[in-house]
Amino acid sequence: MIKSLENTMNERLNRQDEMLDQLIKMVVDNNARLERIENAVNRI
């Protein structure tokens, strides 16, 4: 019983870690995109 709960918690934590990694990647990508836009605007 306890082992099953532990496994479930570990699975959830792993999924949260994966989601956090994806979120960080999205933020990094968006920052790069914003920087490119800002540079383009500054050249106008």
N, C-alpha and C. Protein backbone atom coordinates (compact mmCIF):
# COMPACT_ATOMS: atom_id res chain seq x y z
N MET A 1 0.84 -1.21 0.00
CA MET A 1 0.00 0.00 0.00
C MET A 1 0.87 1.26 0.00
N ILE A 2 1.78 1.34 0.97
CA ILE A 2 2.65 2.52 1.05
C ILE A 2 3.55 2.59 -0.18
N LYS A 3 4.02 1.44 -0.65
CA LYS A 3 4.88 1.42 -1.84
C LYS A 3 4.11 1.95 -3.05
N SER A 4 2.84 1.60 -3.14
CA SER A 4 2.01 2.08 -4.25
C SER A 4 1.86 3.59 -4.20
N LEU A 5 1.62 4.13 -3.01
CA LEU A 5 1.51 5.58 -2.86
C LEU A 5 2.82 6.27 -3.21
N GLU A 6 3.91 5.65 -2.79
CA GLU A 6 5.23 6.21 -3.09
C GLU A 6 5.46 6.25 -4.60
N ASN A 7 5.10 5.17 -5.27
CA ASN A 7 5.25 5.13 -6.73
C ASN A 7 4.40 6.20 -7.40
N THR A 8 3.17 6.35 -6.93
CA THR A 8 2.28 7.37 -7.50
C THR A 8 2.85 8.76 -7.30
N MET A 9 3.35 9.03 -6.11
CA MET A 9 3.94 10.34 -5.83
C MET A 9 5.16 10.58 -6.71
N ASN A 10 5.99 9.57 -6.87
CA ASN A 10 7.18 9.71 -7.71
C ASN A 10 6.81 9.98 -9.16
N GLU A 11 5.78 9.30 -9.65
CA GLU A 11 5.32 9.53 -11.02
C GLU A 11 4.84 10.97 -11.19
N ARG A 12 4.09 11.45 -10.22
CA ARG A 12 3.59 12.83 -10.29
C ARG A 12 4.74 13.83 -10.24
N LEU A 13 5.70 13.59 -9.36
CA LEU A 13 6.85 14.49 -9.27
C LEU A 13 7.64 14.49 -10.57
N ASN A 14 7.80 13.32 -11.16
CA ASN A 14 8.51 13.24 -12.45
C ASN A 14 7.78 14.02 -13.52
N ARG A 15 6.45 13.90 -13.55
CA ARG A 15 5.67 14.65 -14.54
C ARG A 15 5.79 16.14 -14.30
N GLN A 16 5.77 16.54 -13.03
CA GLN A 16 5.93 17.97 -12.72
C GLN A 16 7.30 18.47 -13.15
N ASP A 17 8.32 17.65 -12.94
CA ASP A 17 9.67 18.03 -13.38
C ASP A 17 9.70 18.22 -14.90
N GLU A 18 9.07 17.29 -15.63
CA GLU A 18 9.03 17.40 -17.09
C GLU A 18 8.30 18.66 -17.52
N MET A 19 7.18 18.94 -16.86
CA MET A 19 6.41 20.14 -17.21
C MET A 19 7.20 21.40 -16.91
N LEU A 20 7.92 21.41 -15.79
CA LEU A 20 8.74 22.56 -15.44
C LEU A 20 9.85 22.76 -16.46
N ASP A 21 10.47 21.67 -16.89
CA ASP A 21 11.50 21.77 -17.93
C ASP A 21 10.93 22.36 -19.21
N GLN A 22 9.72 21.91 -19.60
CA GLN A 22 9.08 22.43 -20.80
C GLN A 22 8.77 23.92 -20.64
N LEU A 23 8.30 24.30 -19.46
CA LEU A 23 7.96 25.70 -19.21
C LEU A 23 9.21 26.58 -19.30
N ILE A 24 10.30 26.11 -18.70
CA ILE A 24 11.55 26.87 -18.75
C ILE A 24 12.01 27.02 -20.20
N LYS A 25 11.91 25.95 -20.98
CA LYS A 25 12.31 26.01 -22.39
C LYS A 25 11.45 27.03 -23.14
N MET A 26 10.15 27.04 -22.86
CA MET A 26 9.26 28.00 -23.52
C MET A 26 9.64 29.43 -23.16
N VAL A 27 9.97 29.67 -21.90
CA VAL A 27 10.36 31.02 -21.47
C VAL A 27 11.65 31.44 -22.16
N VAL A 28 12.61 30.53 -22.22
CA VAL A 28 13.89 30.84 -22.89
C VAL A 28 13.64 31.15 -24.36
N ASP A 29 12.82 30.33 -25.02
CA ASP A 29 12.52 30.56 -26.44
C ASP A 29 11.81 31.89 -26.64
N ASN A 30 10.87 32.21 -25.76
CA ASN A 30 10.14 33.47 -25.88
C ASN A 30 11.06 34.66 -25.65
N ASN A 31 11.98 34.54 -24.69
CA ASN A 31 12.93 35.62 -24.46
C ASN A 31 13.79 35.86 -25.69
N ALA A 32 14.23 34.79 -26.34
CA ALA A 32 15.04 34.92 -27.55
C ALA A 32 14.22 35.59 -28.65
N ARG A 33 12.96 35.21 -28.77
CA ARG A 33 12.09 35.81 -29.79
C ARG A 33 11.88 37.30 -29.52
N LEU A 34 11.63 37.63 -28.26
CA LEU A 34 11.45 39.04 -27.91
C LEU A 34 12.71 39.85 -28.19
N GLU A 35 13.85 39.26 -27.92
CA GLU A 35 15.11 39.96 -28.18
C GLU A 35 15.28 40.22 -29.68
N ARG A 36 14.92 39.23 -30.50
CA ARG A 36 15.02 39.43 -31.96
C ARG A 36 14.08 40.53 -32.41
N ILE A 37 12.86 40.54 -31.87
CA ILE A 37 11.89 41.58 -32.23
C ILE A 37 12.39 42.94 -31.80
N GLU A 38 12.92 43.01 -30.58
CA GLU A 38 13.43 44.28 -30.06
C GLU A 38 14.58 44.79 -30.94
N ASN A 39 15.46 43.90 -31.34
CA ASN A 39 16.57 44.30 -32.21
C ASN A 39 16.06 44.79 -33.56
N ALA A 40 15.05 44.12 -34.09
CA ALA A 40 14.49 44.54 -35.38
C ALA A 40 13.84 45.91 -35.26
N VAL A 41 13.12 46.14 -34.18
CA VAL A 41 12.46 47.44 -33.97
C VAL A 41 13.49 48.54 -33.82
N ASN A 42 14.57 48.26 -33.12
CA ASN A 42 15.61 49.26 -32.90
C ASN A 42 16.32 49.64 -34.19
N ARG A 43 16.29 48.75 -35.18
CA ARG A 43 16.95 49.04 -36.46
C ARG A 43 16.09 49.93 -37.34
N ILE A 44 14.81 50.02 -37.03
CA ILE A 44 13.89 50.81 -37.87
C ILE A 44 14.12 52.29 -37.63
